[in-house]
């Protein structure tokens, strides 16, 4: 690969998608502007316009308690923890993560912003008692401040982004909100025969559907559910909401129950819906769901029914095949008297036969079922995105110290025949974290219209500026070309405040604004009188507040 430096990068980051695509490794030349083999729903931004996403002088790592950006860029704090979001007085949640922007009347300057709230900490619930017990008030706050916020945002006449608290759409969705179950687990013994459940929480990342709803992912749900006395099997699902319709709320059990990170939606060559998903824990798997029926753009939100019936697959990286995670596949393997449970699956053959009696049991106990059918344990598969340029699939494997994968890597999957519905694939390590790349522990991903991959990092706060993580300093946001002479070269665009991570990068359609969450600044604080961060440094504020910012300064052309 041609060696480049930072200034060289600036000379070709603006050369257009065609030039970047020309050097695509083994994939051929893409003609003119981006033209995906099949459409993808997530993070297309303005790729149809073929505009350049930005010129910037990369920044250096930092330890500052600030959100640092390149020269010429600025940010506005659109919403932060505990801000009032509507006339009802509902408050913006904590643990800001995924963002998705929905234009109102096709506007790039006014729309709905959906934000996920992953978890709470000392700034919302206060210190935990010495014996580890939570009060009733703390449990209720925990359920309230997690979930999701739908807010209306706009760019004012002075060019600043603000929240419109008078919006008719603004609302909270949290641990108290009602949800309908769909799919094979609905009404089964695996979920206590429930057809509807209470609440969503541990909402990490997500995705946008082809019919303009949001899929939000329940990740580390167990502790919240157990503290609140809620059934564990009611959580760990993919949630669907409509930003413009507060009555629409579903959990799709056909997509499996595990520690979901995000979703990436696309189409097979024959028009079926595909949803890629990662299970964010050590030795967990990469999945995709392929619907039985075909997508019909004329049906709008009615296409949601496609997520109720189809085939869930898990990636076997050794064979390069997608293995069906179905009752048929699991029961066939368990029928063999010589069956031995693979690593990561507990129980005897007899116990597993009792556990897996139908499709509902399989999707509810998806992690174990996936390992049984041959899924490859991997290194914390977090965000997954489909390239709108060549239909390759990018997977963030954040890290796994038990395997010696300290800094993580990004895997690039090549589906057979460039068909997202294929049952065979090949893959490569697109870029690895470490000193050579300048970043560690990749997490959320996003594409811009020039084929660049935007990567945020997730170094644990307890490891910041210590040991082998010293050189990376605070977490950051990086830009990596996926084509051309600078392919797989990372340059830092932003540095996060103390003990935080940057999450949920999402552009407006014209790519003039980038929404970005600042999650858990100061999370190592154990004494409220001595917070380790005070971001966003509002006058008179004595605590740190996670929140969402709108970044501007992109030069398009």
Protein backbone atom coordinates (compact mmCIF):
# COMPACT_ATOMS: atom_id res chain seq x y z
CA UNK A 1 0.00 0.00 0.00
CA UNK A 2 1.23 3.49 -0.79
CA UNK A 3 2.60 5.26 2.26
CA UNK A 4 0.82 8.52 3.04
CA UNK A 5 1.01 11.26 5.59
CA UNK A 6 -1.71 13.50 6.95
CA UNK A 7 -1.26 16.27 4.44
CA UNK A 8 -1.28 13.81 1.54
CA UNK A 9 -4.61 12.55 2.80
CA UNK A 10 -6.10 16.01 2.51
CA UNK A 11 -5.25 16.09 -1.16
CA UNK A 12 -7.35 13.09 -2.02
CA UNK A 13 -10.13 13.16 0.56
CA UNK A 14 -11.76 15.69 -1.72
CA UNK A 15 -11.23 13.90 -5.02
CA UNK A 16 -14.64 12.32 -5.12
CA UNK A 17 -16.12 8.90 -4.70
CA UNK A 18 -15.11 7.75 -8.18
CA UNK A 19 -11.42 8.29 -7.55
CA UNK A 20 -11.55 6.65 -4.16
CA UNK A 21 -13.48 3.71 -5.53
CA UNK A 22 -11.07 3.17 -8.42
CA UNK A 23 -8.55 1.38 -6.23
CA UNK A 24 -11.08 -0.88 -4.53
CA UNK A 25 -9.26 -4.09 -3.75
CA UNK A 26 -10.55 -6.78 -6.06
CA UNK A 27 -13.99 -5.28 -6.33
CA UNK A 28 -13.69 -3.44 -9.63
CA UNK A 29 -14.26 0.20 -10.38
CA UNK A 30 -17.45 1.89 -9.31
CA UNK A 31 -18.77 4.24 -11.93
CA UNK A 32 -19.16 7.92 -11.21
CA UNK A 33 -21.03 8.41 -7.99
CA UNK A 34 -21.97 5.84 -5.40
CA UNK A 35 -24.24 3.14 -6.72
CA UNK A 36 -24.84 0.36 -4.24
CA UNK A 37 -25.55 -3.09 -5.63
CA UNK A 38 -28.67 -3.00 -3.47
CA UNK A 39 -29.89 -0.14 -1.32
CA UNK A 40 -28.97 0.09 2.33
CA UNK A 41 -30.98 1.96 4.91
CA UNK A 42 -28.37 3.08 7.42
CA UNK A 43 -26.20 6.14 7.11
CA UNK A 44 -26.58 6.83 3.42
CA UNK A 45 -26.41 10.50 4.34
CA UNK A 46 -26.26 12.42 1.07
CA UNK A 47 -24.41 9.85 -1.00
CA UNK A 48 -26.71 10.34 -3.97
CA UNK A 49 -25.36 13.89 -4.24
CA UNK A 50 -21.78 12.59 -4.35
CA UNK A 51 -20.67 15.48 -2.17
CA UNK A 52 -17.42 15.44 -0.23
CA UNK A 53 -17.86 14.96 3.49
CA UNK A 54 -15.17 17.29 4.73
CA UNK A 55 -11.69 18.76 4.56
CA UNK A 56 -9.95 18.88 7.90
CA UNK A 57 -6.55 19.05 9.54
CA UNK A 58 -6.41 15.93 11.76
CA UNK A 59 -5.98 16.55 15.46
CA UNK A 60 -3.67 14.88 17.97
CA UNK A 61 -4.81 12.73 20.91
CA UNK A 62 -5.70 14.70 24.03
CA UNK A 63 -6.33 14.30 27.77
CA UNK A 64 -8.37 17.51 28.01
CA UNK A 65 -11.87 17.58 29.51
CA UNK A 66 -13.21 18.96 26.26
CA UNK A 67 -14.67 17.95 22.93
CA UNK A 68 -11.88 18.90 20.56
CA UNK A 69 -12.43 19.31 16.81
CA UNK A 70 -10.23 20.30 13.85
CA UNK A 71 -9.67 23.93 12.99
CA UNK A 72 -12.74 25.48 11.34
CA UNK A 73 -15.29 23.21 13.02
CA UNK A 74 -17.66 24.07 15.87
CA UNK A 75 -20.33 22.28 17.89
CA UNK A 76 -23.56 23.14 19.65
CA UNK A 77 -24.90 21.11 22.58
CA UNK A 78 -28.39 20.25 21.33
CA UNK A 79 -29.57 18.30 24.39
CA UNK A 80 -27.93 17.07 27.57
CA UNK A 81 -28.90 14.82 30.46
CA UNK A 82 -31.93 16.08 32.42
CA UNK A 83 -32.85 18.83 29.93
CA UNK A 84 -36.61 19.27 29.54
CA UNK A 85 -37.59 18.03 26.06
CA UNK A 86 -41.32 18.83 25.78
CA UNK A 87 -44.32 20.66 27.25
CA UNK A 88 -45.04 17.68 29.51
CA UNK A 89 -41.74 18.30 31.27
CA UNK A 90 -40.16 14.99 30.34
CA UNK A 91 -36.38 14.90 30.76
CA UNK A 92 -33.63 13.88 28.34
CA UNK A 93 -32.20 10.55 29.45
CA UNK A 94 -28.72 9.41 30.40
CA UNK A 95 -26.07 7.37 28.61
CA UNK A 96 -26.60 9.04 25.22
CA UNK A 97 -25.71 6.65 22.43
CA UNK A 98 -27.20 6.12 18.95
CA UNK A 99 -28.59 9.04 16.94
CA UNK A 100 -30.86 9.11 13.89
CA UNK A 101 -32.07 12.29 12.17
CA UNK A 102 -35.45 12.39 10.39
CA UNK A 103 -36.07 15.53 8.28
CA UNK A 104 -39.37 17.34 8.69
CA UNK A 105 -40.63 18.33 5.22
CA UNK A 106 -37.30 17.20 3.72
CA UNK A 107 -35.43 19.82 5.73
CA UNK A 108 -31.73 19.57 6.53
CA UNK A 109 -32.17 22.17 9.26
CA UNK A 110 -35.28 20.93 11.11
CA UNK A 111 -36.14 17.36 11.99
CA UNK A 112 -36.61 14.75 14.67
CA UNK A 113 -33.56 13.37 16.39
CA UNK A 114 -33.88 9.97 18.03
CA UNK A 115 -31.34 9.29 20.76
CA UNK A 116 -30.73 6.07 22.71
CA UNK A 117 -30.05 6.06 26.46
CA UNK A 118 -27.90 3.09 27.47
CA UNK A 119 -27.44 3.31 31.22
CA UNK A 120 -27.38 5.52 34.31
CA UNK A 121 -24.63 6.52 36.73
CA UNK A 122 -23.97 8.57 39.86
CA UNK A 123 -25.05 11.83 38.21
CA UNK A 124 -28.64 10.60 37.78
CA UNK A 125 -29.24 8.10 40.56
CA UNK A 126 -26.72 9.26 43.16
CA UNK A 127 -24.19 7.10 45.02
CA UNK A 128 -25.05 3.47 45.70
CA UNK A 129 -25.23 2.34 49.34
CA UNK A 130 -22.15 0.68 50.84
CA UNK A 131 -23.90 -2.71 50.82
CA UNK A 132 -24.72 -2.36 47.10
CA UNK A 133 -28.47 -2.08 47.66
CA UNK A 134 -30.53 0.24 45.48
CA UNK A 135 -33.43 2.26 46.88
CA UNK A 136 -36.87 2.18 45.24
CA UNK A 137 -36.28 5.75 44.03
CA UNK A 138 -32.97 4.77 42.42
CA UNK A 139 -34.56 1.82 40.64
CA UNK A 140 -37.33 4.07 39.29
CA UNK A 141 -34.80 6.66 38.11
CA UNK A 142 -32.80 3.88 36.48
CA UNK A 143 -35.85 2.81 34.47
CA UNK A 144 -36.85 6.41 33.66
CA UNK A 145 -33.50 7.71 32.42
CA UNK A 146 -32.76 4.73 30.16
CA UNK A 147 -34.54 4.01 26.87
CA UNK A 148 -34.88 6.61 24.14
CA UNK A 149 -35.67 10.27 23.52
CA UNK A 150 -37.39 11.68 20.45
CA UNK A 151 -36.66 15.40 20.23
CA UNK A 152 -37.23 18.05 17.59
CA UNK A 153 -34.09 19.96 16.58
CA UNK A 154 -33.51 22.92 14.29
CA UNK A 155 -30.79 25.27 13.11
CA UNK A 156 -31.59 28.80 14.17
CA UNK A 157 -31.13 31.98 12.10
CA UNK A 158 -27.73 32.49 13.74
CA UNK A 159 -26.62 29.07 12.51
CA UNK A 160 -26.79 27.33 15.90
CA UNK A 161 -28.59 24.03 16.48
CA UNK A 162 -31.22 23.99 19.23
CA UNK A 163 -33.96 21.79 20.65
CA UNK A 164 -37.62 22.77 20.15
CA UNK A 165 -39.31 21.89 23.44
CA UNK A 166 -42.70 22.86 22.00
CA UNK A 167 -42.61 19.96 19.53
CA UNK A 168 -45.71 17.81 19.16
CA UNK A 169 -43.46 14.78 18.58
CA UNK A 170 -40.99 15.12 21.47
CA UNK A 171 -41.32 12.31 23.98
CA UNK A 172 -39.52 9.79 26.17
CA UNK A 173 -39.61 6.03 25.68
CA UNK A 174 -38.23 4.19 28.70
CA UNK A 175 -38.50 1.35 31.20
CA UNK A 176 -42.18 2.09 31.76
CA UNK A 177 -43.35 2.25 28.12
CA UNK A 178 -45.58 -0.52 26.69
CA UNK A 179 -44.35 -2.67 23.79
CA UNK A 180 -45.98 -5.31 21.61
CA UNK A 181 -44.06 -8.52 20.97
CA UNK A 182 -43.92 -9.93 17.45
CA UNK A 183 -42.41 -13.06 15.95
CA UNK A 184 -41.82 -16.64 17.07
CA UNK A 185 -41.39 -16.00 20.81
CA UNK A 186 -44.62 -14.02 21.16
CA UNK A 187 -46.98 -15.74 23.57
CA UNK A 188 -44.64 -18.69 24.19
CA UNK A 189 -43.49 -20.14 27.49
CA UNK A 190 -40.02 -18.69 26.85
CA UNK A 191 -41.37 -15.19 27.53
CA UNK A 192 -43.92 -16.23 30.14
CA UNK A 193 -46.64 -16.40 27.46
CA UNK A 194 -46.49 -12.59 27.15
CA UNK A 195 -47.74 -10.86 24.01
CA UNK A 196 -46.85 -7.40 25.34
CA UNK A 197 -44.11 -6.27 27.73
CA UNK A 198 -43.20 -3.31 29.90
CA UNK A 199 -40.36 -1.02 28.95
CA UNK A 200 -37.10 -0.85 27.07
CA UNK A 201 -33.68 -0.11 28.55
CA UNK A 202 -29.97 -0.65 27.97
CA UNK A 203 -30.56 0.88 24.53
CA UNK A 204 -27.18 0.94 22.86
CA UNK A 205 -26.94 1.57 19.14
CA UNK A 206 -29.55 1.00 16.45
CA UNK A 207 -30.44 1.55 12.83
CA UNK A 208 -32.94 3.05 10.42
CA UNK A 209 -35.33 0.87 8.45
CA UNK A 210 -36.12 1.19 4.75
CA UNK A 211 -39.57 2.43 5.83
CA UNK A 212 -38.19 5.22 8.05
CA UNK A 213 -38.65 3.82 11.52
CA UNK A 214 -35.92 3.27 14.10
CA UNK A 215 -34.58 -0.04 15.35
CA UNK A 216 -33.10 0.33 18.83
CA UNK A 217 -31.01 -2.40 20.44
CA UNK A 218 -31.26 -3.62 24.03
CA UNK A 219 -27.74 -4.56 25.10
CA UNK A 220 -26.65 -5.03 28.74
CA UNK A 221 -30.15 -5.42 30.14
CA UNK A 222 -29.74 -8.06 32.86
CA UNK A 223 -28.84 -5.95 35.89
CA UNK A 224 -31.56 -3.36 35.31
CA UNK A 225 -34.21 -6.07 34.81
CA UNK A 226 -33.13 -8.03 37.88
CA UNK A 227 -33.06 -4.97 40.14
CA UNK A 228 -36.54 -3.97 39.01
CA UNK A 229 -37.91 -7.51 39.35
CA UNK A 230 -38.74 -7.73 35.63
CA UNK A 231 -38.64 -10.95 33.56
CA UNK A 232 -35.24 -11.27 31.87
CA UNK A 233 -36.69 -12.75 28.68
CA UNK A 234 -38.69 -9.57 28.03
CA UNK A 235 -35.43 -7.76 27.26
CA UNK A 236 -32.46 -8.21 24.96
CA UNK A 237 -34.52 -7.69 21.80
CA UNK A 238 -34.51 -5.29 18.86
CA UNK A 239 -37.09 -2.56 19.43
CA UNK A 240 -38.90 -0.66 16.66
CA UNK A 241 -40.44 2.79 17.09
CA UNK A 242 -41.83 5.38 14.70
CA UNK A 243 -40.46 8.85 15.54
CA UNK A 244 -43.62 10.48 14.19
CA UNK A 245 -46.11 8.10 15.88
CA UNK A 246 -45.92 7.72 19.64
CA UNK A 247 -48.31 4.77 19.68
CA UNK A 248 -46.08 2.53 17.57
CA UNK A 249 -43.72 0.35 19.67
CA UNK A 250 -42.67 -3.25 18.98
CA UNK A 251 -40.05 -5.80 19.95
CA UNK A 252 -39.16 -8.19 17.13
CA UNK A 253 -38.30 -11.62 18.54
CA UNK A 254 -37.44 -13.08 15.10
CA UNK A 255 -34.21 -11.04 15.28
CA UNK A 256 -33.06 -13.01 18.32
CA UNK A 257 -32.40 -12.15 21.94
CA UNK A 258 -28.83 -11.33 22.95
CA UNK A 259 -26.68 -8.32 23.89
CA UNK A 260 -27.61 -6.36 20.77
CA UNK A 261 -25.35 -3.52 19.67
CA UNK A 262 -26.93 -2.23 16.46
CA UNK A 263 -28.69 -3.13 13.23
CA UNK A 264 -27.76 -2.52 9.59
CA UNK A 265 -30.52 -3.05 7.06
CA UNK A 266 -30.24 -3.79 3.36
CA UNK A 267 -31.86 -5.84 0.59
CA UNK A 268 -31.04 -9.12 -1.06
CA UNK A 269 -30.82 -9.22 -4.85
CA UNK A 270 -34.33 -10.65 -4.96
CA UNK A 271 -35.75 -7.90 -2.72
CA UNK A 272 -35.90 -9.46 0.73
CA UNK A 273 -34.90 -7.48 3.82
CA UNK A 274 -31.60 -8.27 5.53
CA UNK A 275 -30.66 -7.11 9.05
CA UNK A 276 -27.07 -7.50 10.28
CA UNK A 277 -26.48 -7.52 14.04
CA UNK A 278 -23.66 -7.93 16.55
CA UNK A 279 -23.72 -9.42 20.06
CA UNK A 280 -21.53 -7.11 22.16
CA UNK A 281 -19.76 -9.37 24.58
CA UNK A 282 -16.63 -11.47 24.61
CA UNK A 283 -16.82 -14.67 22.55
CA UNK A 284 -20.12 -13.71 20.94
CA UNK A 285 -21.27 -13.95 17.35
CA UNK A 286 -22.20 -11.97 14.24
CA UNK A 287 -25.75 -12.44 12.92
CA UNK A 288 -27.99 -11.60 10.03
CA UNK A 289 -31.73 -12.01 9.57
CA UNK A 290 -33.22 -12.53 6.11
CA UNK A 291 -36.96 -11.98 5.76
CA UNK A 292 -39.26 -14.50 4.12
CA UNK A 293 -41.22 -11.86 2.24
CA UNK A 294 -40.02 -9.13 -0.10
CA UNK A 295 -39.82 -5.40 0.53
CA UNK A 296 -42.47 -3.25 -1.14
CA UNK A 297 -41.74 0.50 -0.97
CA UNK A 298 -45.41 1.23 -1.61
CA UNK A 299 -46.38 -0.41 1.70
CA UNK A 300 -44.38 2.04 3.85
CA UNK A 301 -44.48 1.04 7.52
CA UNK A 302 -46.50 -2.10 6.79
CA UNK A 303 -43.15 -3.56 5.69
CA UNK A 304 -42.39 -3.95 9.38
CA UNK A 305 -44.21 -7.29 9.17
CA UNK A 306 -41.17 -8.56 7.25
CA UNK A 307 -39.27 -8.57 10.55
CA UNK A 308 -41.71 -11.07 12.02
CA UNK A 309 -40.92 -14.04 9.78
CA UNK A 310 -37.67 -15.14 8.18
CA UNK A 311 -34.40 -16.94 8.90
CA UNK A 312 -31.85 -15.89 11.48
CA UNK A 313 -28.25 -16.82 10.60
CA UNK A 314 -24.95 -16.78 12.50
CA UNK A 315 -21.53 -16.37 10.90
CA UNK A 316 -19.14 -19.31 10.87
CA UNK A 317 -15.88 -17.55 10.06
CA UNK A 318 -13.91 -20.77 9.61
CA UNK A 319 -16.18 -22.19 6.90
CA UNK A 320 -17.27 -18.84 5.46
CA UNK A 321 -20.91 -19.85 5.77
CA UNK A 322 -24.00 -18.43 7.42
CA UNK A 323 -25.51 -21.16 9.62
CA UNK A 324 -29.29 -21.05 10.20
CA UNK A 325 -30.18 -20.47 13.88
CA UNK A 326 -33.46 -22.37 13.77
CA UNK A 327 -35.25 -25.00 15.80
CA UNK A 328 -34.80 -27.42 12.92
CA UNK A 329 -31.02 -26.95 12.95
CA UNK A 330 -30.67 -27.07 16.74
CA UNK A 331 -32.93 -30.10 17.23
CA UNK A 332 -31.13 -32.02 14.49
CA UNK A 333 -27.79 -31.58 16.25
CA UNK A 334 -29.21 -32.38 19.68
CA UNK A 335 -30.79 -35.57 18.31
CA UNK A 336 -27.31 -37.06 18.00
CA UNK A 337 -26.60 -39.05 21.18
CA UNK A 338 -22.89 -38.20 20.81
CA UNK A 339 -23.57 -34.45 20.89
CA UNK A 340 -21.23 -32.46 23.10
CA UNK A 341 -21.97 -28.86 23.99
CA UNK A 342 -19.45 -26.41 22.48
CA UNK A 343 -17.50 -23.97 24.62
CA UNK A 344 -19.83 -21.27 25.88
CA UNK A 345 -22.88 -23.52 26.13
CA UNK A 346 -23.80 -24.90 29.56
CA UNK A 347 -25.82 -28.02 30.21
CA UNK A 348 -26.03 -31.65 29.24
CA UNK A 349 -27.62 -32.85 26.01
CA UNK A 350 -30.76 -33.76 27.97
CA UNK A 351 -30.92 -30.31 29.58
CA UNK A 352 -30.52 -28.64 26.19
CA UNK A 353 -33.25 -30.83 24.67
CA UNK A 354 -35.56 -29.60 27.44
CA UNK A 355 -34.46 -26.00 26.85
CA UNK A 356 -35.00 -25.95 23.09
CA UNK A 357 -38.48 -27.22 22.27
CA UNK A 358 -39.57 -24.74 19.60
CA UNK A 359 -38.56 -21.70 17.57
CA UNK A 360 -39.50 -19.39 20.43
CA UNK A 361 -36.98 -21.12 22.69
CA UNK A 362 -34.28 -20.77 20.03
CA UNK A 363 -34.65 -17.02 19.48
CA UNK A 364 -35.00 -16.38 23.22
CA UNK A 365 -31.82 -18.32 24.02
CA UNK A 366 -30.12 -17.17 20.85
CA UNK A 367 -26.50 -16.94 22.05
CA UNK A 368 -26.40 -20.60 23.03
CA UNK A 369 -28.35 -21.73 19.98
CA UNK A 370 -25.92 -19.87 17.71
CA UNK A 371 -22.90 -21.58 19.26
CA UNK A 372 -24.61 -24.98 18.98
CA UNK A 373 -25.13 -24.59 15.21
CA UNK A 374 -21.53 -23.52 14.64
CA UNK A 375 -21.40 -19.76 15.13
CA UNK A 376 -17.86 -18.45 15.60
CA UNK A 377 -17.17 -16.75 18.96
CA UNK A 378 -15.59 -13.38 18.21
CA UNK A 379 -14.16 -10.33 19.94
CA UNK A 380 -17.13 -8.22 21.01
CA UNK A 381 -18.82 -7.55 17.66
CA UNK A 382 -20.32 -4.10 18.07
CA UNK A 383 -21.43 -1.83 15.25
CA UNK A 384 -22.07 -3.28 11.79
CA UNK A 385 -22.58 -1.18 8.67
CA UNK A 386 -23.18 -1.98 5.00
CA UNK A 387 -21.10 0.06 2.56
CA UNK A 388 -23.44 1.92 0.19
CA UNK A 389 -20.67 1.72 -2.41
CA UNK A 390 -19.92 -1.97 -2.81
CA UNK A 391 -22.24 -3.91 -0.48
CA UNK A 392 -19.40 -5.12 1.70
CA UNK A 393 -20.22 -5.37 5.39
CA UNK A 394 -18.01 -3.78 8.05
CA UNK A 395 -17.99 -5.17 11.60
CA UNK A 396 -16.35 -3.51 14.61
CA UNK A 397 -14.72 -6.10 16.83
CA UNK A 398 -13.97 -3.84 19.77
CA UNK A 399 -11.51 -6.03 21.69
CA UNK A 400 -11.13 -9.24 23.68
CA UNK A 401 -8.29 -9.37 26.18
CA UNK A 402 -8.82 -13.08 26.82
CA UNK A 403 -7.71 -13.67 23.22
CA UNK A 404 -4.94 -11.08 23.36
CA UNK A 405 -6.90 -8.82 21.01
CA UNK A 406 -6.30 -5.75 23.14
CA UNK A 407 -7.02 -3.02 20.59
CA UNK A 408 -9.67 -4.66 18.40
CA UNK A 409 -10.13 -4.56 14.65
CA UNK A 410 -12.66 -4.03 11.88
CA UNK A 411 -13.68 -7.02 9.80
CA UNK A 412 -14.91 -6.57 6.23
CA UNK A 413 -17.27 -9.26 4.92
CA UNK A 414 -17.65 -9.97 1.21
CA UNK A 415 -20.95 -11.74 0.56
CA UNK A 416 -20.91 -14.31 -2.24
CA UNK A 417 -22.03 -12.73 -5.50
CA UNK A 418 -22.30 -9.36 -3.74
CA UNK A 419 -25.71 -10.57 -2.54
CA UNK A 420 -26.63 -9.73 1.05
CA UNK A 421 -28.85 -12.80 1.04
CA UNK A 422 -25.97 -15.17 0.27
CA UNK A 423 -25.26 -18.09 2.58
CA UNK A 424 -21.49 -17.99 1.92
CA UNK A 425 -18.96 -15.20 2.37
CA UNK A 426 -15.30 -14.30 2.57
CA UNK A 427 -13.74 -11.72 4.88
CA UNK A 428 -10.64 -9.70 5.65
CA UNK A 429 -9.29 -7.67 8.55
CA UNK A 430 -9.84 -4.22 7.07
CA UNK A 431 -7.93 -2.34 9.77
CA UNK A 432 -6.61 -3.27 13.19
CA UNK A 433 -6.47 -1.04 16.23
CA UNK A 434 -3.10 -0.31 17.83
CA UNK A 435 -0.18 2.07 17.71
CA UNK A 436 0.19 1.59 13.95
CA UNK A 437 -3.33 2.86 13.24
CA UNK A 438 -3.57 5.44 16.01
CA UNK A 439 -6.81 4.19 17.56
CA UNK A 440 -7.92 1.44 19.91
CA UNK A 441 -11.20 -0.38 20.51
CA UNK A 442 -13.40 0.60 17.52
CA UNK A 443 -17.13 0.84 18.24
CA UNK A 444 -19.81 2.69 16.22
CA UNK A 445 -19.31 3.06 12.47
CA UNK A 446 -20.81 5.34 9.84
CA UNK A 447 -20.21 6.00 6.15
CA UNK A 448 -20.16 9.31 4.38
CA UNK A 449 -20.91 9.91 0.71
CA UNK A 450 -17.26 9.76 -0.24
CA UNK A 451 -16.81 6.20 0.94
CA UNK A 452 -15.02 7.15 4.14
CA UNK A 453 -15.66 5.14 7.28
CA UNK A 454 -16.16 7.16 10.47
CA UNK A 455 -15.12 5.26 13.60
CA UNK A 456 -15.61 6.11 17.27
CA UNK A 457 -13.59 4.31 19.92
CA UNK A 458 -14.55 2.62 23.18
CA UNK A 459 -11.50 2.33 25.41
CA UNK A 460 -12.80 1.58 28.90
CA UNK A 461 -12.59 4.64 31.16
CA UNK A 462 -10.69 2.61 33.74
CA UNK A 463 -7.95 2.07 31.12
CA UNK A 464 -7.65 5.64 29.83
CA UNK A 465 -4.07 6.90 29.74
CA UNK A 466 -2.74 3.74 31.35
CA UNK A 467 -0.45 0.95 30.19
CA UNK A 468 -0.74 0.07 26.50
CA UNK A 469 -3.56 2.64 26.13
CA UNK A 470 -1.40 5.65 27.06
CA UNK A 471 -0.68 6.82 23.52
CA UNK A 472 -4.40 6.99 22.58
CA UNK A 473 -5.29 9.26 25.52
CA UNK A 474 -9.06 10.00 25.54
CA UNK A 475 -11.48 8.24 23.20
CA UNK A 476 -11.97 9.79 19.77
CA UNK A 477 -13.60 9.90 16.36
CA UNK A 478 -11.54 8.82 13.33
CA UNK A 479 -12.00 8.91 9.55
CA UNK A 480 -10.75 6.02 7.39
CA UNK A 481 -11.04 5.82 3.58
CA UNK A 482 -12.38 2.45 2.37
CA UNK A 483 -11.01 2.86 -1.17
CA UNK A 484 -8.07 4.44 -2.94
CA UNK A 485 -4.42 5.07 -2.03
CA UNK A 486 -5.25 5.95 1.56
CA UNK A 487 -7.43 2.92 2.23
CA UNK A 488 -7.35 1.81 5.87
CA UNK A 489 -5.41 4.91 7.04
CA UNK A 490 -7.00 6.45 10.14
CA UNK A 491 -6.99 10.18 10.93
CA UNK A 492 -8.42 11.66 14.11
CA UNK A 493 -11.31 14.11 13.75
CA UNK A 494 -12.41 14.53 17.38
CA UNK A 495 -11.21 13.90 20.92
CA UNK A 496 -13.70 13.20 23.70
CA UNK A 497 -13.92 14.74 27.19
CA UNK A 498 -12.47 12.94 30.23
CA UNK A 499 -13.79 9.41 30.88
CA UNK A 500 -16.25 9.51 28.01
CA UNK A 501 -16.72 7.94 24.63
CA UNK A 502 -18.14 9.41 21.45
CA UNK A 503 -21.13 7.47 20.08
CA UNK A 504 -23.87 7.55 17.47
CA UNK A 505 -22.34 9.55 14.57
CA UNK A 506 -25.10 10.51 12.15
CA UNK A 507 -25.14 13.11 9.37
CA UNK A 508 -27.98 15.24 8.05
CA UNK A 509 -28.80 14.25 4.42
CA UNK A 510 -26.79 17.17 3.02
CA UNK A 511 -23.82 16.24 5.24
CA UNK A 512 -23.54 19.80 6.55
CA UNK A 513 -24.13 18.67 10.15
CA UNK A 514 -22.86 15.68 12.09
CA UNK A 515 -24.77 14.65 15.22
CA UNK A 516 -22.61 12.96 17.83
CA UNK A 517 -23.25 11.77 21.38
CA UNK A 518 -20.85 12.34 24.26
CA UNK A 519 -21.49 9.39 26.55
CA UNK A 520 -20.67 9.10 30.28
CA UNK A 521 -18.19 12.00 30.78
CA UNK A 522 -16.71 11.67 34.26
CA UNK A 523 -18.06 8.15 34.73
CA UNK A 524 -15.35 7.20 37.24
CA UNK A 525 -16.69 9.81 39.67
CA UNK A 526 -17.47 8.29 43.08
CA UNK A 527 -17.90 11.53 45.02
CA UNK A 528 -20.40 14.06 43.65
CA UNK A 529 -18.46 16.88 45.29
CA UNK A 530 -15.41 15.90 43.21
CA UNK A 531 -16.56 15.10 39.66
CA UNK A 532 -13.76 13.96 37.35
CA UNK A 533 -15.40 15.84 34.44
CA UNK A 534 -17.67 18.85 34.17
CA UNK A 535 -18.44 18.59 30.46
CA UNK A 536 -20.32 20.38 28.84
CA UNK A 537 -19.13 23.06 31.27
CA UNK A 538 -22.42 24.92 31.56
CA UNK A 539 -22.18 27.96 33.84
CA UNK A 540 -22.91 26.98 37.43
CA UNK A 541 -23.05 23.27 36.67
CA UNK A 542 -21.46 20.98 39.26
CA UNK A 543 -21.90 17.65 37.48
CA UNK A 544 -21.01 16.14 34.12
CA UNK A 545 -23.84 15.63 31.63
CA UNK A 546 -23.85 13.29 28.68
CA UNK A 547 -25.54 14.74 25.62
CA UNK A 548 -25.79 15.22 21.87
CA UNK A 549 -23.88 17.81 19.88
CA UNK A 550 -24.32 19.11 16.32
CA UNK A 551 -21.00 19.62 14.55
CA UNK A 552 -20.65 22.07 11.65
CA UNK A 553 -17.83 23.27 9.44
CA UNK A 554 -17.88 20.72 6.61
CA UNK A 555 -16.88 22.17 3.24
CA UNK A 556 -18.91 20.46 0.58
CA UNK A 557 -18.36 20.55 -3.12
